[in-house]
Amino acid sequence: MGRKQNGKADEAQSATANRRAWLNQRFIEALTADFETHGIGVIETLREKSPRDYAKICADLLPKVQTGDAADQFNFRSVDSLDQLVEKLARDISDWGMADKFIALLSKHNGDALAVG
């Protein structure tokens, strides 16, 4: 009987995980559509009007990795200004091999106004 109950618990847990994955996927699709509609201007406005929220969102979007200091996985404690945060994120994006994809996405929404170098 214990085995049958564990099977039901496993099924319920699996169903919950499947619903969560489905919801996450739909949310990401909606967020992508919203970004494609409104573009980088919304991000720029957020960065200018609410740098803390901007930094939090950036940190939340970065891949989660386990390090010795779980409270500061990406060494954001060393960041004292928005300019330093942007520099750190640019270095990290480059280190992760995502620079071309990121630049292409920015270019799509910012046209020729994107300064390189």
PDB file of N, CA and C in Angstrom:
ATOM      1  N   MET A   1       0.815  -1.194   0.000  1.00  0.00           N
ATOM      2  CA  MET A   1       0.000   0.000   0.000  1.00  0.00           C
ATOM      3  C   MET A   1       0.863   1.264   0.000  1.00  0.00           C
ATOM      4  N   GLY A   2       1.982   1.245   0.749  1.00  0.00           N
ATOM      5  CA  GLY A   2       2.881   2.388   0.778  1.00  0.00           C
ATOM      6  C   GLY A   2       3.418   2.701  -0.601  1.00  0.00           C
ATOM      7  N   ARG A   3       3.712   1.673  -1.390  1.00  0.00           N
ATOM      8  CA  ARG A   3       4.232   1.888  -2.731  1.00  0.00           C
ATOM      9  C   ARG A   3       3.179   2.569  -3.614  1.00  0.00           C
ATOM     10  N   LYS A   4       1.930   2.161  -3.495  1.00  0.00           N
ATOM     11  CA  LYS A   4       0.855   2.756  -4.282  1.00  0.00           C
ATOM     12  C   LYS A   4       0.658   4.221  -3.897  1.00  0.00           C
ATOM     13  N   GLN A   5       0.713   4.528  -2.610  1.00  0.00           N
ATOM     14  CA  GLN A   5       0.565   5.904  -2.165  1.00  0.00           C
ATOM     15  C   GLN A   5       1.729   6.752  -2.665  1.00  0.00           C
ATOM     16  N   ASN A   6       2.952   6.211  -2.616  1.00  0.00           N
ATOM     17  CA  ASN A   6       4.107   6.952  -3.126  1.00  0.00           C
ATOM     18  C   ASN A   6       3.964   7.210  -4.619  1.00  0.00           C
ATOM     19  N   GLY A   7       3.414   6.244  -5.347  1.00  0.00           N
ATOM     20  CA  GLY A   7       3.192   6.428  -6.777  1.00  0.00           C
ATOM     21  C   GLY A   7       2.238   7.571  -7.050  1.00  0.00           C
ATOM     22  N   LYS A   8       1.168   7.651  -6.254  1.00  0.00           N
ATOM     23  CA  LYS A   8       0.210   8.750  -6.422  1.00  0.00           C
ATOM     24  C   LYS A   8       0.854  10.086  -6.081  1.00  0.00           C
ATOM     25  N   ALA A   9       1.673  10.101  -5.051  1.00  0.00           N
ATOM     26  CA  ALA A   9       2.362  11.333  -4.673  1.00  0.00           C
ATOM     27  C   ALA A   9       3.326  11.759  -5.781  1.00  0.00           C
ATOM     28  N   ASP A  10       4.027  10.780  -6.357  1.00  0.00           N
ATOM     29  CA  ASP A  10       4.946  11.087  -7.452  1.00  0.00           C
ATOM     30  C   ASP A  10       4.188  11.638  -8.663  1.00  0.00           C
ATOM     31  N   GLU A  11       3.015  11.043  -8.955  1.00  0.00           N
ATOM     32  CA  GLU A  11       2.200  11.522 -10.071  1.00  0.00           C
ATOM     33  C   GLU A  11       1.716  12.948  -9.825  1.00  0.00           C
ATOM     34  N   ALA A  12       1.285  13.218  -8.606  1.00  0.00           N
ATOM     35  CA  ALA A  12       0.809  14.566  -8.269  1.00  0.00           C
ATOM     36  C   ALA A  12       1.955  15.575  -8.381  1.00  0.00           C
ATOM     37  N   GLN A  13       3.120  15.174  -7.907  1.00  0.00           N
ATOM     38  CA  GLN A  13       4.285  16.051  -7.979  1.00  0.00           C
ATOM     39  C   GLN A  13       4.672  16.303  -9.436  1.00  0.00           C
ATOM     40  N   SER A  14       4.613  15.264 -10.256  1.00  0.00           N
ATOM     41  CA  SER A  14       4.923  15.396 -11.673  1.00  0.00           C
ATOM     42  C   SER A  14       3.912  16.291 -12.379  1.00  0.00           C
ATOM     43  N   ALA A  15       2.630  16.120 -12.046  1.00  0.00           N
ATOM     44  CA  ALA A  15       1.584  16.958 -12.650  1.00  0.00           C
ATOM     45  C   ALA A  15       1.778  18.423 -12.276  1.00  0.00           C
ATOM     46  N   THR A  16       2.153  18.680 -11.025  1.00  0.00           N
ATOM     47  CA  THR A  16       2.407  20.052 -10.577  1.00  0.00           C
ATOM     48  C   THR A  16       3.599  20.640 -11.329  1.00  0.00           C
ATOM     49  N   ALA A  17       4.651  19.843 -11.486  1.00  0.00           N
ATOM     50  CA  ALA A  17       5.836  20.308 -12.213  1.00  0.00           C
ATOM     51  C   ALA A  17       5.490  20.589 -13.670  1.00  0.00           C
ATOM     52  N   ASN A  18       4.653  19.745 -14.273  1.00  0.00           N
ATOM     53  CA  ASN A  18       4.246  19.960 -15.664  1.00  0.00           C
ATOM     54  C   ASN A  18       3.424  21.240 -15.810  1.00  0.00           C
ATOM     55  N   ARG A  19       2.515  21.487 -14.871  1.00  0.00           N
ATOM     56  CA  ARG A  19       1.724  22.722 -14.914  1.00  0.00           C
ATOM     57  C   ARG A  19       2.620  23.947 -14.740  1.00  0.00           C
ATOM     58  N   ARG A  20       3.575  23.843 -13.835  1.00  0.00           N
ATOM     59  CA  ARG A  20       4.494  24.957 -13.610  1.00  0.00           C
ATOM     60  C   ARG A  20       5.320  25.220 -14.864  1.00  0.00           C
ATOM     61  N   ALA A  21       5.823  24.164 -15.492  1.00  0.00           N
ATOM     62  CA  ALA A  21       6.609  24.322 -16.719  1.00  0.00           C
ATOM     63  C   ALA A  21       5.755  24.938 -17.824  1.00  0.00           C
ATOM     64  N   TRP A  22       4.498  24.487 -17.943  1.00  0.00           N
ATOM     65  CA  TRP A  22       3.590  25.027 -18.951  1.00  0.00           C
ATOM     66  C   TRP A  22       3.336  26.509 -18.694  1.00  0.00           C
ATOM     67  N   LEU A  23       3.072  26.866 -17.438  1.00  0.00           N
ATOM     68  CA  LEU A  23       2.819  28.261 -17.079  1.00  0.00           C
ATOM     69  C   LEU A  23       4.064  29.113 -17.331  1.00  0.00           C
ATOM     70  N   ASN A  24       5.233  28.618 -16.934  1.00  0.00           N
ATOM     71  CA  ASN A  24       6.479  29.355 -17.167  1.00  0.00           C
ATOM     72  C   ASN A  24       6.679  29.609 -18.656  1.00  0.00           C
ATOM     73  N   GLN A  25       6.432  28.590 -19.473  1.00  0.00           N
ATOM     74  CA  GLN A  25       6.602  28.734 -20.917  1.00  0.00           C
ATOM     75  C   GLN A  25       5.646  29.788 -21.471  1.00  0.00           C
ATOM     76  N   ARG A  26       4.400  29.758 -21.044  1.00  0.00           N
ATOM     77  CA  ARG A  26       3.423  30.733 -21.523  1.00  0.00           C
ATOM     78  C   ARG A  26       3.804  32.147 -21.083  1.00  0.00           C
ATOM     79  N   PHE A  27       4.297  32.273 -19.853  1.00  0.00           N
ATOM     80  CA  PHE A  27       4.708  33.583 -19.360  1.00  0.00           C
ATOM     81  C   PHE A  27       5.883  34.117 -20.181  1.00  0.00           C
ATOM     82  N   ILE A  28       6.846  33.263 -20.460  1.00  0.00           N
ATOM     83  CA  ILE A  28       8.011  33.676 -21.249  1.00  0.00           C
ATOM     84  C   ILE A  28       7.566  34.097 -22.652  1.00  0.00           C
ATOM     85  N   GLU A  29       6.633  33.358 -23.243  1.00  0.00           N
ATOM     86  CA  GLU A  29       6.114  33.721 -24.560  1.00  0.00           C
ATOM     87  C   GLU A  29       5.417  35.088 -24.512  1.00  0.00           C
ATOM     88  N   ALA A  30       4.621  35.327 -23.476  1.00  0.00           N
ATOM     89  CA  ALA A  30       3.926  36.608 -23.341  1.00  0.00           C
ATOM     90  C   ALA A  30       4.926  37.744 -23.123  1.00  0.00           C
ATOM     91  N   LEU A  31       5.931  37.498 -22.304  1.00  0.00           N
ATOM     92  CA  LEU A  31       6.952  38.503 -22.048  1.00  0.00           C
ATOM     93  C   LEU A  31       7.729  38.815 -23.324  1.00  0.00           C
ATOM     94  N   THR A  32       8.032  37.796 -24.095  1.00  0.00           N
ATOM     95  CA  THR A  32       8.727  37.989 -25.367  1.00  0.00           C
ATOM     96  C   THR A  32       7.882  38.826 -26.319  1.00  0.00           C
ATOM     97  N   ALA A  33       6.607  38.504 -26.418  1.00  0.00           N
ATOM     98  CA  ALA A  33       5.711  39.269 -27.287  1.00  0.00           C
ATOM     99  C   ALA A  33       5.629  40.721 -26.827  1.00  0.00           C
ATOM    100  N   ASP A  34       5.557  40.936 -25.529  1.00  0.00           N
ATOM    101  CA  ASP A  34       5.500  42.295 -24.983  1.00  0.00           C
ATOM    102  C   ASP A  34       6.773  43.055 -25.329  1.00  0.00           C
ATOM    103  N   PHE A  35       7.926  42.399 -25.193  1.00  0.00           N
ATOM    104  CA  PHE A  35       9.196  43.043 -25.513  1.00  0.00           C
ATOM    105  C   PHE A  35       9.273  43.357 -27.002  1.00  0.00           C
ATOM    106  N   GLU A  36       8.818  42.434 -27.841  1.00  0.00           N
ATOM    107  CA  GLU A  36       8.847  42.680 -29.279  1.00  0.00           C
ATOM    108  C   GLU A  36       7.936  43.841 -29.667  1.00  0.00           C
ATOM    109  N   THR A  37       6.854  44.021 -28.940  1.00  0.00           N
ATOM    110  CA  THR A  37       5.931  45.116 -29.220  1.00  0.00           C
ATOM    111  C   THR A  37       6.469  46.456 -28.725  1.00  0.00           C
ATOM    112  N   HIS A  38       6.990  46.478 -27.505  1.00  0.00           N
ATOM    113  CA  HIS A  38       7.364  47.749 -26.872  1.00  0.00           C
ATOM    114  C   HIS A  38       8.858  48.038 -26.913  1.00  0.00           C
ATOM    115  N   GLY A  39       9.665  47.036 -27.162  1.00  0.00           N
ATOM    116  CA  GLY A  39      11.095  47.227 -27.384  1.00  0.00           C
ATOM    117  C   GLY A  39      11.903  47.683 -26.193  1.00  0.00           C
ATOM    118  N   ILE A  40      13.066  48.149 -26.530  1.00  0.00           N
ATOM    119  CA  ILE A  40      14.064  48.495 -25.524  1.00  0.00           C
ATOM    120  C   ILE A  40      13.726  49.772 -24.763  1.00  0.00           C
ATOM    121  N   GLY A  41      12.835  50.577 -25.294  1.00  0.00           N
ATOM    122  CA  GLY A  41      12.477  51.831 -24.624  1.00  0.00           C
ATOM    123  C   GLY A  41      11.963  51.621 -23.218  1.00  0.00           C
ATOM    124  N   VAL A  42      11.201  50.559 -23.015  1.00  0.00           N
ATOM    125  CA  VAL A  42      10.674  50.261 -21.682  1.00  0.00           C
ATOM    126  C   VAL A  42      11.818  49.938 -20.725  1.00  0.00           C
ATOM    127  N   ILE A  43      12.786  49.191 -21.214  1.00  0.00           N
ATOM    128  CA  ILE A  43      13.940  48.832 -20.376  1.00  0.00           C
ATOM    129  C   ILE A  43      14.740  50.087 -20.042  1.00  0.00           C
ATOM    130  N   GLU A  44      14.952  50.942 -21.028  1.00  0.00           N
ATOM    131  CA  GLU A  44      15.689  52.190 -20.789  1.00  0.00           C
ATOM    132  C   GLU A  44      14.976  53.058 -19.751  1.00  0.00           C
ATOM    133  N   THR A  45      13.661  53.147 -19.859  1.00  0.00           N
ATOM    134  CA  THR A  45      12.884  53.938 -18.905  1.00  0.00           C
ATOM    135  C   THR A  45      13.011  53.354 -17.505  1.00  0.00           C
ATOM    136  N   LEU A  46      12.904  52.032 -17.392  1.00  0.00           N
ATOM    137  CA  LEU A  46      13.053  51.379 -16.088  1.00  0.00           C
ATOM    138  C   LEU A  46      14.437  51.653 -15.515  1.00  0.00           C
ATOM    139  N   ARG A  47      15.469  51.508 -16.340  1.00  0.00           N
ATOM    140  CA  ARG A  47      16.842  51.733 -15.872  1.00  0.00           C
ATOM    141  C   ARG A  47      17.014  53.149 -15.358  1.00  0.00           C
ATOM    142  N   GLU A  48      16.441  54.129 -16.059  1.00  0.00           N
ATOM    143  CA  GLU A  48      16.594  55.528 -15.673  1.00  0.00           C
ATOM    144  C   GLU A  48      15.756  55.895 -14.451  1.00  0.00           C
ATOM    145  N   LYS A  49      14.524  55.393 -14.385  1.00  0.00           N
ATOM    146  CA  LYS A  49      13.608  55.794 -13.319  1.00  0.00           C
ATOM    147  C   LYS A  49      13.717  54.931 -12.066  1.00  0.00           C
ATOM    148  N   SER A  50      14.163  53.686 -12.230  1.00  0.00           N
ATOM    149  CA  SER A  50      14.221  52.770 -11.086  1.00  0.00           C
ATOM    150  C   SER A  50      15.417  51.822 -11.212  1.00  0.00           C
ATOM    151  N   PRO A  51      16.640  52.349 -11.013  1.00  0.00           N
ATOM    152  CA  PRO A  51      17.845  51.525 -11.178  1.00  0.00           C
ATOM    153  C   PRO A  51      17.862  50.273 -10.294  1.00  0.00           C
ATOM    154  N   ARG A  52      17.285  50.360  -9.099  1.00  0.00           N
ATOM    155  CA  ARG A  52      17.264  49.177  -8.221  1.00  0.00           C
ATOM    156  C   ARG A  52      16.409  48.060  -8.819  1.00  0.00           C
ATOM    157  N   ASP A  53      15.223  48.418  -9.311  1.00  0.00           N
ATOM    158  CA  ASP A  53      14.367  47.408  -9.936  1.00  0.00           C
ATOM    159  C   ASP A  53      15.042  46.843 -11.180  1.00  0.00           C
ATOM    160  N   TYR A  54      15.693  47.713 -11.940  1.00  0.00           N
ATOM    161  CA  TYR A  54      16.417  47.288 -13.139  1.00  0.00           C
ATOM    162  C   TYR A  54      17.502  46.273 -12.765  1.00  0.00           C
ATOM    163  N   ALA A  55      18.291  46.593 -11.737  1.00  0.00           N
ATOM    164  CA  ALA A  55      19.357  45.689 -11.300  1.00  0.00           C
ATOM    165  C   ALA A  55      18.787  44.368 -10.795  1.00  0.00           C
ATOM    166  N   LYS A  56      17.675  44.419 -10.078  1.00  0.00           N
ATOM    167  CA  LYS A  56      17.060  43.196  -9.567  1.00  0.00           C
ATOM    168  C   LYS A  56      16.586  42.302 -10.711  1.00  0.00           C
ATOM    169  N   ILE A  57      15.940  42.909 -11.693  1.00  0.00           N
ATOM    170  CA  ILE A  57      15.469  42.128 -12.838  1.00  0.00           C
ATOM    171  C   ILE A  57      16.651  41.505 -13.573  1.00  0.00           C
ATOM    172  N   CYS A  58      17.699  42.281 -13.779  1.00  0.00           N
ATOM    173  CA  CYS A  58      18.896  41.741 -14.439  1.00  0.00           C
ATOM    174  C   CYS A  58      19.455  40.557 -13.650  1.00  0.00           C
ATOM    175  N   ALA A  59      19.553  40.712 -12.354  1.00  0.00           N
ATOM    176  CA  ALA A  59      20.081  39.634 -11.516  1.00  0.00           C
ATOM    177  C   ALA A  59      19.177  38.408 -11.571  1.00  0.00           C
ATOM    178  N   ASP A  60      17.864  38.627 -11.575  1.00  0.00           N
ATOM    179  CA  ASP A  60      16.927  37.505 -11.624  1.00  0.00           C
ATOM    180  C   ASP A  60      16.992  36.760 -12.952  1.00  0.00           C
ATOM    181  N   LEU A  61      17.343  37.457 -14.025  1.00  0.00           N
ATOM    182  CA  LEU A  61      17.401  36.834 -15.341  1.00  0.00           C
ATOM    183  C   LEU A  61      18.696  36.069 -15.588  1.00  0.00           C
ATOM    184  N   LEU A  62      19.725  36.403 -14.830  1.00  0.00           N
ATOM    185  CA  LEU A  62      20.997  35.713 -15.018  1.00  0.00           C
ATOM    186  C   LEU A  62      20.885  34.258 -14.577  1.00  0.00           C
ATOM    187  N   PRO A  63      21.625  33.376 -15.245  1.00  0.00           N
ATOM    188  CA  PRO A  63      21.570  31.960 -14.849  1.00  0.00           C
ATOM    189  C   PRO A  63      22.006  31.790 -13.399  1.00  0.00           C
ATOM    190  N   LYS A  64      21.331  30.911 -12.707  1.00  0.00           N
ATOM    191  CA  LYS A  64      21.677  30.635 -11.314  1.00  0.00           C
ATOM    192  C   LYS A  64      22.789  29.590 -11.272  1.00  0.00           C
ATOM    193  N   VAL A  65      23.849  29.917 -10.569  1.00  0.00           N
ATOM    194  CA  VAL A  65      24.951  28.986 -10.401  1.00  0.00           C
ATOM    195  C   VAL A  65      25.271  28.896  -8.918  1.00  0.00           C
ATOM    196  N   GLN A  66      25.788  27.776  -8.514  1.00  0.00           N
ATOM    197  CA  GLN A  66      26.176  27.597  -7.121  1.00  0.00           C
ATOM    198  C   GLN A  66      27.623  28.023  -6.937  1.00  0.00           C
ATOM    199  N   THR A  67      27.837  28.910  -5.993  1.00  0.00           N
ATOM    200  CA  THR A  67      29.183  29.346  -5.657  1.00  0.00           C
ATOM    201  C   THR A  67      29.324  29.273  -4.147  1.00  0.00           C
ATOM    202  N   GLY A  68      30.483  29.625  -3.673  1.00  0.00           N
ATOM    203  CA  GLY A  68      30.712  29.616  -2.240  1.00  0.00           C
ATOM    204  C   GLY A  68      29.863  30.646  -1.518  1.00  0.00           C
ATOM    205  N   ASP A  69      29.457  31.689  -2.192  1.00  0.00           N
ATOM    206  CA  ASP A  69      28.668  32.761  -1.591  1.00  0.00           C
ATOM    207  C   ASP A  69      27.321  32.855  -2.298  1.00  0.00           C
ATOM    208  N   ALA A  70      26.360  32.090  -1.814  1.00  0.00           N
ATOM    209  CA  ALA A  70      25.055  32.037  -2.472  1.00  0.00           C
ATOM    210  C   ALA A  70      24.361  33.389  -2.449  1.00  0.00           C
ATOM    211  N   ALA A  71      24.688  34.245  -1.492  1.00  0.00           N
ATOM    212  CA  ALA A  71      24.037  35.550  -1.389  1.00  0.00           C
ATOM    213  C   ALA A  71      24.517  36.517  -2.480  1.00  0.00           C
ATOM    214  N   ASP A  72      25.653  36.234  -3.071  1.00  0.00           N
ATOM    215  CA  ASP A  72      26.192  37.124  -4.097  1.00  0.00           C
ATOM    216  C   ASP A  72      26.816  36.302  -5.214  1.00  0.00           C
ATOM    217  N   GLN A  73      25.984  35.544  -5.904  1.00  0.00           N
ATOM    218  CA  GLN A  73      26.460  34.618  -6.927  1.00  0.00           C
ATOM    219  C   GLN A  73      27.233  35.310  -8.045  1.00  0.00           C
ATOM    220  N   PHE A  74      26.908  36.552  -8.335  1.00  0.00           N
ATOM    221  CA  PHE A  74      27.533  37.230  -9.461  1.00  0.00           C
ATOM    222  C   PHE A  74      28.364  38.433  -9.031  1.00  0.00           C
ATOM    223  N   ASN A  75      28.716  38.468  -7.753  1.00  0.00           N
ATOM    224  CA  ASN A  75      29.587  39.499  -7.213  1.00  0.00           C
ATOM    225  C   ASN A  75      29.017  40.901  -7.414  1.00  0.00           C
ATOM    226  N   PHE A  76      27.702  41.039  -7.272  1.00  0.00           N
ATOM    227  CA  PHE A  76      27.086  42.345  -7.409  1.00  0.00           C
ATOM    228  C   PHE A  76      27.394  43.256  -6.228  1.00  0.00           C
ATOM    229  N   ARG A  77      27.910  42.701  -5.147  1.00  0.00           N
ATOM    230  CA  ARG A  77      28.276  43.558  -4.010  1.00  0.00           C
ATOM    231  C   ARG A  77      29.385  44.524  -4.388  1.00  0.00           C
ATOM    232  N   SER A  78      30.152  44.172  -5.426  1.00  0.00           N
ATOM    233  CA  SER A  78      31.242  45.049  -5.848  1.00  0.00           C
ATOM    234  C   SER A  78      30.757  46.199  -6.721  1.00  0.00           C
ATOM    235  N   VAL A  79      29.463  46.201  -7.062  1.00  0.00           N
ATOM    236  CA  VAL A  79      28.903  47.225  -7.945  1.00  0.00           C
ATOM    237  C   VAL A  79      28.373  48.379  -7.102  1.00  0.00           C
ATOM    238  N   ASP A  80      28.899  49.584  -7.383  1.00  0.00           N
ATOM    239  CA  ASP A  80      28.502  50.768  -6.622  1.00  0.00           C
ATOM    240  C   ASP A  80      27.643  51.738  -7.416  1.00  0.00           C
ATOM    241  N   SER A  81      27.535  51.527  -8.718  1.00  0.00           N
ATOM    242  CA  SER A  81      26.768  52.467  -9.523  1.00  0.00           C
ATOM    243  C   SER A  81      26.122  51.729 -10.686  1.00  0.00           C
ATOM    244  N   LEU A  82      25.194  52.395 -11.338  1.00  0.00           N
ATOM    245  CA  LEU A  82      24.532  51.816 -12.500  1.00  0.00           C
ATOM    246  C   LEU A  82      25.546  51.582 -13.619  1.00  0.00           C
ATOM    247  N   ASP A  83      26.485  52.514 -13.789  1.00  0.00           N
ATOM    248  CA  ASP A  83      27.512  52.337 -14.819  1.00  0.00           C
ATOM    249  C   ASP A  83      28.350  51.081 -14.560  1.00  0.00           C
ATOM    250  N   GLN A  84      28.708  50.842 -13.290  1.00  0.00           N
ATOM    251  CA  GLN A  84      29.467  49.644 -12.957  1.00  0.00           C
ATOM    252  C   GLN A  84      28.641  48.385 -13.206  1.00  0.00           C
ATOM    253  N   LEU A  85      27.341  48.453 -12.916  1.00  0.00           N
ATOM    254  CA  LEU A  85      26.473  47.310 -13.168  1.00  0.00           C
ATOM    255  C   LEU A  85      26.428  46.993 -14.658  1.00  0.00           C
ATOM    256  N   VAL A  86      26.253  48.020 -15.483  1.00  0.00           N
ATOM    257  CA  VAL A  86      26.200  47.811 -16.927  1.00  0.00           C
ATOM    258  C   VAL A  86      27.520  47.221 -17.420  1.00  0.00           C
ATOM    259  N   GLU A  87      28.630  47.736 -16.936  1.00  0.00           N
ATOM    260  CA  GLU A  87      29.945  47.197 -17.324  1.00  0.00           C
ATOM    261  C   GLU A  87      30.082  45.730 -16.911  1.00  0.00           C
ATOM    262  N   LYS A  88      29.674  45.423 -15.688  1.00  0.00           N
ATOM    263  CA  LYS A  88      29.780  44.043 -15.198  1.00  0.00           C
ATOM    264  C   LYS A  88      28.896  43.122 -16.023  1.00  0.00           C
ATOM    265  N   LEU A  89      27.660  43.539 -16.284  1.00  0.00           N
ATOM    266  CA  LEU A  89      26.766  42.707 -17.088  1.00  0.00           C
ATOM    267  C   LEU A  89      27.319  42.504 -18.493  1.00  0.00           C
ATOM    268  N   ALA A  90      27.887  43.556 -19.081  1.00  0.00           N
ATOM    269  CA  ALA A  90      28.473  43.427 -20.419  1.00  0.00           C
ATOM    270  C   ALA A  90      29.624  42.411 -20.411  1.00  0.00           C
ATOM    271  N   ARG A  91      30.481  42.475 -19.390  1.00  0.00           N
ATOM    272  CA  ARG A  91      31.584  41.499 -19.302  1.00  0.00           C
ATOM    273  C   ARG A  91      31.052  40.084 -19.121  1.00  0.00           C
ATOM    274  N   ASP A  92      30.055  39.940 -18.234  1.00  0.00           N
ATOM    275  CA  ASP A  92      29.487  38.611 -17.988  1.00  0.00           C
ATOM    276  C   ASP A  92      28.833  38.045 -19.239  1.00  0.00           C
ATOM    277  N   ILE A  93      28.062  38.863 -19.940  1.00  0.00           N
ATOM    278  CA  ILE A  93      27.408  38.409 -21.170  1.00  0.00           C
ATOM    279  C   ILE A  93      28.454  37.966 -22.187  1.00  0.00           C
ATOM    280  N   SER A  94      29.520  38.718 -22.283  1.00  0.00           N
ATOM    281  CA  SER A  94      30.608  38.351 -23.195  1.00  0.00           C
ATOM    282  C   SER A  94      31.279  37.043 -22.752  1.00  0.00           C
ATOM    283  N   ASP A  95      31.552  36.927 -21.461  1.00  0.00           N
ATOM    284  CA  ASP A  95      32.186  35.706 -20.932  1.00  0.00           C
ATOM    285  C   ASP A  95      31.335  34.470 -21.169  1.00  0.00           C
ATOM    286  N   TRP A  96      30.017  34.638 -21.152  1.00  0.00           N
ATOM    287  CA  TRP A  96      29.110  33.502 -21.363  1.00  0.00           C
ATOM    288  C   TRP A  96      28.939  33.178 -22.839  1.00  0.00           C
ATOM    289  N   GLY A  97      29.590  33.960 -23.713  1.00  0.00           N
ATOM    290  CA  GLY A  97      29.489  33.710 -25.144  1.00  0.00           C
ATOM    291  C   GLY A  97      28.156  34.142 -25.740  1.00  0.00           C
ATOM    292  N   MET A  98      27.488  35.095 -25.100  1.00  0.00           N
ATOM    293  CA  MET A  98      26.165  35.519 -25.554  1.00  0.00           C
ATOM    294  C   MET A  98      26.179  36.921 -26.152  1.00  0.00           C
ATOM    295  N   ALA A  99      27.349  37.499 -26.362  1.00  0.00           N
ATOM    296  CA  ALA A  99      27.437  38.891 -26.805  1.00  0.00           C
ATOM    297  C   ALA A  99      26.767  39.110 -28.156  1.00  0.00           C
ATOM    298  N   ASP A 100      27.028  38.241 -29.123  1.00  0.00           N
ATOM    299  CA  ASP A 100      26.452  38.423 -30.461  1.00  0.00           C
ATOM    300  C   ASP A 100      24.929  38.387 -30.412  1.00  0.00           C
ATOM    301  N   LYS A 101      24.397  37.439 -29.663  1.00  0.00           N
ATOM    302  CA  LYS A 101      22.936  37.324 -29.552  1.00  0.00           C
ATOM    303  C   LYS A 101      22.357  38.571 -28.875  1.00  0.00           C
ATOM    304  N   PHE A 102      23.021  39.036 -27.829  1.00  0.00           N
ATOM    305  CA  PHE A 102      22.552  40.206 -27.097  1.00  0.00           C
ATOM    306  C   PHE A 102      22.609  41.457 -27.979  1.00  0.00           C
ATOM    307  N   ILE A 103      23.705  41.628 -28.709  1.00  0.00           N
ATOM    308  CA  ILE A 103      23.853  42.788 -29.594  1.00  0.00           C
ATOM    309  C   ILE A 103      22.794  42.753 -30.697  1.00  0.00           C
ATOM    310  N   ALA A 104      22.542  41.561 -31.244  1.00  0.00           N
ATOM    311  CA  ALA A 104      21.518  41.433 -32.284  1.00  0.00           C
ATOM    312  C   ALA A 104      20.151  41.820 -31.738  1.00  0.00           C
ATOM    313  N   LEU A 105      19.847  41.403 -30.527  1.00  0.00           N
ATOM    314  CA  LEU A 105      18.562  41.740 -29.918  1.00  0.00           C
ATOM    315  C   LEU A 105      18.462  43.241 -29.664  1.00  0.00           C
ATOM    316  N   LEU A 106      19.513  43.834 -29.150  1.00  0.00           N
ATOM    317  CA  LEU A 106      19.505  45.282 -28.932  1.00  0.00           C
ATOM    318  C   LEU A 106      19.380  46.033 -30.255  1.00  0.00           C
ATOM    319  N   SER A 107      20.102  45.579 -31.270  1.00  0.00           N
ATOM    320  CA  SER A 107      20.055  46.230 -32.575  1.00  0.00           C
ATOM    321  C   SER A 107      18.667  46.176 -33.174  1.00  0.00           C
ATOM    322  N   LYS A 108      17.992  45.058 -32.969  1.00  0.00           N
ATOM    323  CA  LYS A 108      16.642  44.894 -33.505  1.00  0.00           C
ATOM    324  C   LYS A 108      15.712  45.974 -32.958  1.00  0.00           C
ATOM    325  N   HIS A 109      15.898  46.328 -31.709  1.00  0.00           N
ATOM    326  CA  HIS A 109      14.994  47.283 -31.071  1.00  0.00           C
ATOM    327  C   HIS A 109      15.542  48.696 -31.012  1.00  0.00           C
ATOM    328  N   ASN A 110      16.819  48.858 -31.344  1.00  0.00           N
ATOM    329  CA  ASN A 110      17.435  50.175 -31.214  1.00  0.00           C
ATOM    330  C   ASN A 110      17.952  50.683 -32.545  1.00  0.00           C
ATOM    331  N   GLY A 111      17.847  49.912 -33.581  1.00  0.00           N
ATOM    332  CA  GLY A 111      18.294  50.336 -34.910  1.00  0.00           C
ATOM    333  C   GLY A 111      19.773  50.680 -34.935  1.00  0.00           C
ATOM    334  N   ASP A 112      20.108  51.667 -35.721  1.00  0.00           N
ATOM    335  CA  ASP A 112      21.520  52.050 -35.884  1.00  0.00           C
ATOM    336  C   ASP A 112      22.044  52.884 -34.731  1.00  0.00           C
ATOM    337  N   ALA A 113      21.197  53.183 -33.751  1.00  0.00           N
ATOM    338  CA  ALA A 113      21.627  54.014 -32.624  1.00  0.00           C
ATOM    339  C   ALA A 113      22.534  53.267 -31.663  1.00  0.00           C
ATOM    340  N   LEU A 114      22.665  51.948 -31.848  1.00  0.00           N
ATOM    341  CA  LEU A 114      23.507  51.149 -30.950  1.00  0.00           C
ATOM    342  C   LEU A 114      24.967  51.472 -31.198  1.00  0.00           C
ATOM    343  N   ALA A 115      25.617  52.000 -30.176  1.00  0.00           N
ATOM    344  CA  ALA A 115      27.040  52.337 -30.286  1.00  0.00           C
ATOM    345  C   ALA A 115      27.865  51.144 -29.879  1.00  0.00           C
ATOM    346  N   VAL A 116      28.847  50.804 -30.649  1.00  0.00           N
ATOM    347  CA  VAL A 116      29.748  49.692 -30.325  1.00  0.00           C
ATOM    348  C   VAL A 116      31.126  50.278 -30.132  1.00  0.00           C
ATOM    349  N   GLY A 117      31.786  49.819 -29.045  1.00  0.00           N
ATOM    350  CA  GLY A 117      33.156  50.239 -28.806  1.00  0.00           C
ATOM    351  C   GLY A 117      33.196  51.279 -27.828  1.00  0.00           C
TER     352      GLY A 117
END
